[in-house]
Amino acid sequence: MNAPAAIATPCVQVCIVDGPSGLCLGCYRTLTEIAGWRALDPTERDRIMAELPSRAGRIEPGRLG
């Protein structure tokens, strides 16, 4: 029996949501994206992952550490 393929994820185990932006301070995903990550098709996950670096600017710099 083959094991299921691993799903790529930007999770870094820092699960704190910034209230004003609604983004996780660790991976910059929204709670909706985090909750539905496994159900997304690979193309949609890739699209979101490509967008994540630009989301850091939506979080107040002092909150990022």
N, C-alpha and C. Protein backbone atom coordinates (compact mmCIF):
# COMPACT_ATOMS: atom_id res chain seq x y z
N MET A 1 0.84 -1.18 0.00
CA MET A 1 0.00 0.00 0.00
C MET A 1 0.89 1.24 0.00
N ASN A 2 0.57 2.20 -0.85
CA ASN A 2 1.34 3.44 -0.92
C ASN A 2 0.77 4.48 0.03
N ALA A 3 1.67 5.21 0.66
CA ALA A 3 1.25 6.30 1.54
C ALA A 3 0.75 7.46 0.69
N PRO A 4 -0.22 8.25 1.20
CA PRO A 4 -0.69 9.40 0.43
C PRO A 4 0.44 10.41 0.24
N ALA A 5 0.39 11.13 -0.85
CA ALA A 5 1.40 12.15 -1.14
C ALA A 5 1.31 13.28 -0.12
N ALA A 6 2.46 13.81 0.26
CA ALA A 6 2.50 14.93 1.20
C ALA A 6 1.93 16.18 0.52
N ILE A 7 1.26 16.99 1.30
CA ILE A 7 0.70 18.24 0.80
C ILE A 7 1.64 19.38 1.20
N ALA A 8 2.07 20.16 0.23
CA ALA A 8 2.92 21.32 0.50
C ALA A 8 2.16 22.31 1.36
N THR A 9 2.84 22.87 2.35
CA THR A 9 2.21 23.83 3.24
C THR A 9 3.23 24.88 3.68
N PRO A 10 2.78 26.12 3.85
CA PRO A 10 3.67 27.16 4.33
C PRO A 10 3.71 27.24 5.87
N CYS A 11 3.03 26.35 6.55
CA CYS A 11 2.95 26.38 8.00
C CYS A 11 4.33 26.27 8.64
N VAL A 12 4.59 27.16 9.61
CA VAL A 12 5.86 27.13 10.35
C VAL A 12 5.61 26.93 11.85
N GLN A 13 4.42 26.44 12.19
CA GLN A 13 4.04 26.15 13.57
C GLN A 13 4.03 27.38 14.47
N VAL A 14 3.77 28.55 13.90
CA VAL A 14 3.58 29.79 14.66
C VAL A 14 2.14 30.22 14.34
N CYS A 15 1.22 29.74 15.14
CA CYS A 15 -0.20 29.92 14.83
C CYS A 15 -0.80 31.03 15.69
N ILE A 16 -0.57 32.26 15.27
CA ILE A 16 -1.12 33.43 15.95
C ILE A 16 -1.74 34.30 14.87
N VAL A 17 -3.03 34.61 15.02
CA VAL A 17 -3.71 35.40 14.00
C VAL A 17 -3.70 36.87 14.41
N ASP A 18 -3.25 37.71 13.49
CA ASP A 18 -3.26 39.16 13.65
C ASP A 18 -4.69 39.64 13.44
N GLY A 19 -5.27 40.25 14.46
CA GLY A 19 -6.66 40.70 14.39
C GLY A 19 -6.96 41.65 13.24
N PRO A 20 -6.22 42.76 13.12
CA PRO A 20 -6.54 43.72 12.07
C PRO A 20 -6.46 43.16 10.64
N SER A 21 -5.47 42.35 10.36
CA SER A 21 -5.31 41.84 9.00
C SER A 21 -6.03 40.51 8.79
N GLY A 22 -6.24 39.75 9.87
CA GLY A 22 -6.85 38.42 9.76
C GLY A 22 -5.89 37.37 9.25
N LEU A 23 -4.58 37.68 9.25
CA LEU A 23 -3.58 36.75 8.74
C LEU A 23 -2.80 36.10 9.87
N CYS A 24 -2.39 34.86 9.65
CA CYS A 24 -1.52 34.17 10.60
C CYS A 24 -0.15 34.84 10.56
N LEU A 25 0.42 35.11 11.72
CA LEU A 25 1.74 35.74 11.78
C LEU A 25 2.85 34.80 11.34
N GLY A 26 2.60 33.52 11.31
CA GLY A 26 3.62 32.56 10.90
C GLY A 26 3.65 32.31 9.40
N CYS A 27 2.46 32.16 8.79
CA CYS A 27 2.43 31.76 7.37
C CYS A 27 1.70 32.75 6.47
N TYR A 28 1.03 33.74 7.06
CA TYR A 28 0.29 34.78 6.32
C TYR A 28 -0.96 34.28 5.63
N ARG A 29 -1.46 33.10 6.01
CA ARG A 29 -2.73 32.65 5.46
C ARG A 29 -3.87 33.14 6.34
N THR A 30 -5.08 33.19 5.75
CA THR A 30 -6.27 33.51 6.53
C THR A 30 -6.74 32.23 7.24
N LEU A 31 -7.61 32.40 8.21
CA LEU A 31 -8.15 31.22 8.90
C LEU A 31 -8.92 30.32 7.93
N THR A 32 -9.63 30.91 6.99
CA THR A 32 -10.36 30.13 6.00
C THR A 32 -9.40 29.30 5.15
N GLU A 33 -8.29 29.91 4.74
CA GLU A 33 -7.30 29.17 3.95
C GLU A 33 -6.67 28.05 4.76
N ILE A 34 -6.36 28.32 6.02
CA ILE A 34 -5.76 27.30 6.88
C ILE A 34 -6.73 26.13 7.06
N ALA A 35 -7.98 26.44 7.38
CA ALA A 35 -8.97 25.39 7.64
C ALA A 35 -9.25 24.54 6.41
N GLY A 36 -9.22 25.13 5.22
CA GLY A 36 -9.56 24.40 4.03
C GLY A 36 -8.37 23.94 3.21
N TRP A 37 -7.16 24.08 3.75
CA TRP A 37 -5.93 23.81 2.99
C TRP A 37 -5.92 22.43 2.34
N ARG A 38 -6.26 21.42 3.08
CA ARG A 38 -6.20 20.04 2.56
C ARG A 38 -7.20 19.82 1.42
N ALA A 39 -8.30 20.56 1.41
CA ALA A 39 -9.33 20.38 0.40
C ALA A 39 -9.02 21.14 -0.90
N LEU A 40 -8.08 22.08 -0.86
CA LEU A 40 -7.75 22.85 -2.06
C LEU A 40 -6.98 21.98 -3.05
N ASP A 41 -7.17 22.27 -4.33
CA ASP A 41 -6.39 21.52 -5.31
C ASP A 41 -4.98 22.12 -5.36
N PRO A 42 -4.01 21.37 -5.85
CA PRO A 42 -2.62 21.82 -5.84
C PRO A 42 -2.41 23.17 -6.55
N THR A 43 -3.15 23.43 -7.60
CA THR A 43 -3.01 24.70 -8.31
C THR A 43 -3.41 25.86 -7.42
N GLU A 44 -4.49 25.71 -6.69
CA GLU A 44 -4.95 26.78 -5.79
C GLU A 44 -3.96 26.96 -4.64
N ARG A 45 -3.45 25.87 -4.08
CA ARG A 45 -2.45 25.99 -3.02
C ARG A 45 -1.20 26.71 -3.53
N ASP A 46 -0.76 26.38 -4.74
CA ASP A 46 0.40 27.05 -5.33
C ASP A 46 0.15 28.54 -5.52
N ARG A 47 -1.06 28.90 -5.96
CA ARG A 47 -1.40 30.30 -6.16
C ARG A 47 -1.33 31.07 -4.85
N ILE A 48 -1.89 30.49 -3.80
CA ILE A 48 -1.88 31.14 -2.49
C ILE A 48 -0.45 31.25 -1.98
N MET A 49 0.33 30.18 -2.09
CA MET A 49 1.70 30.21 -1.59
C MET A 49 2.54 31.26 -2.31
N ALA A 50 2.29 31.48 -3.59
CA ALA A 50 3.03 32.51 -4.33
C ALA A 50 2.68 33.91 -3.85
N GLU A 51 1.48 34.07 -3.33
CA GLU A 51 0.98 35.36 -2.87
C GLU A 51 1.43 35.70 -1.44
N LEU A 52 1.77 34.69 -0.65
CA LEU A 52 2.04 34.88 0.77
C LEU A 52 3.12 35.91 1.09
N PRO A 53 4.27 35.93 0.42
CA PRO A 53 5.30 36.91 0.79
C PRO A 53 4.80 38.37 0.72
N SER A 54 3.94 38.66 -0.23
CA SER A 54 3.44 40.03 -0.35
C SER A 54 2.44 40.40 0.75
N ARG A 55 1.90 39.41 1.44
CA ARG A 55 0.93 39.68 2.51
C ARG A 55 1.58 40.21 3.77
N ALA A 56 2.86 40.00 3.95
CA ALA A 56 3.53 40.47 5.18
C ALA A 56 3.33 41.97 5.36
N GLY A 57 3.25 42.72 4.28
CA GLY A 57 3.06 44.17 4.36
C GLY A 57 1.72 44.58 4.92
N ARG A 58 0.79 43.65 5.03
CA ARG A 58 -0.54 43.95 5.60
C ARG A 58 -0.55 43.85 7.12
N ILE A 59 0.57 43.43 7.69
CA ILE A 59 0.66 43.27 9.15
C ILE A 59 1.57 44.36 9.70
N GLU A 60 1.13 44.99 10.78
CA GLU A 60 1.94 46.03 11.44
C GLU A 60 3.31 45.45 11.77
N PRO A 61 4.38 46.11 11.35
CA PRO A 61 5.74 45.54 11.53
C PRO A 61 6.07 45.12 12.96
N GLY A 62 5.61 45.83 13.95
CA GLY A 62 5.89 45.48 15.34
C GLY A 62 5.29 44.14 15.76
N ARG A 63 4.27 43.69 15.05
CA ARG A 63 3.63 42.41 15.38
C ARG A 63 4.43 41.24 14.84
N LEU A 64 5.30 41.49 13.88
CA LEU A 64 6.07 40.40 13.25
C LEU A 64 7.30 39.99 14.04
N GLY A 65 7.66 40.75 15.05
CA GLY A 65 8.78 40.36 15.89
C GLY A 65 10.03 40.91 15.47
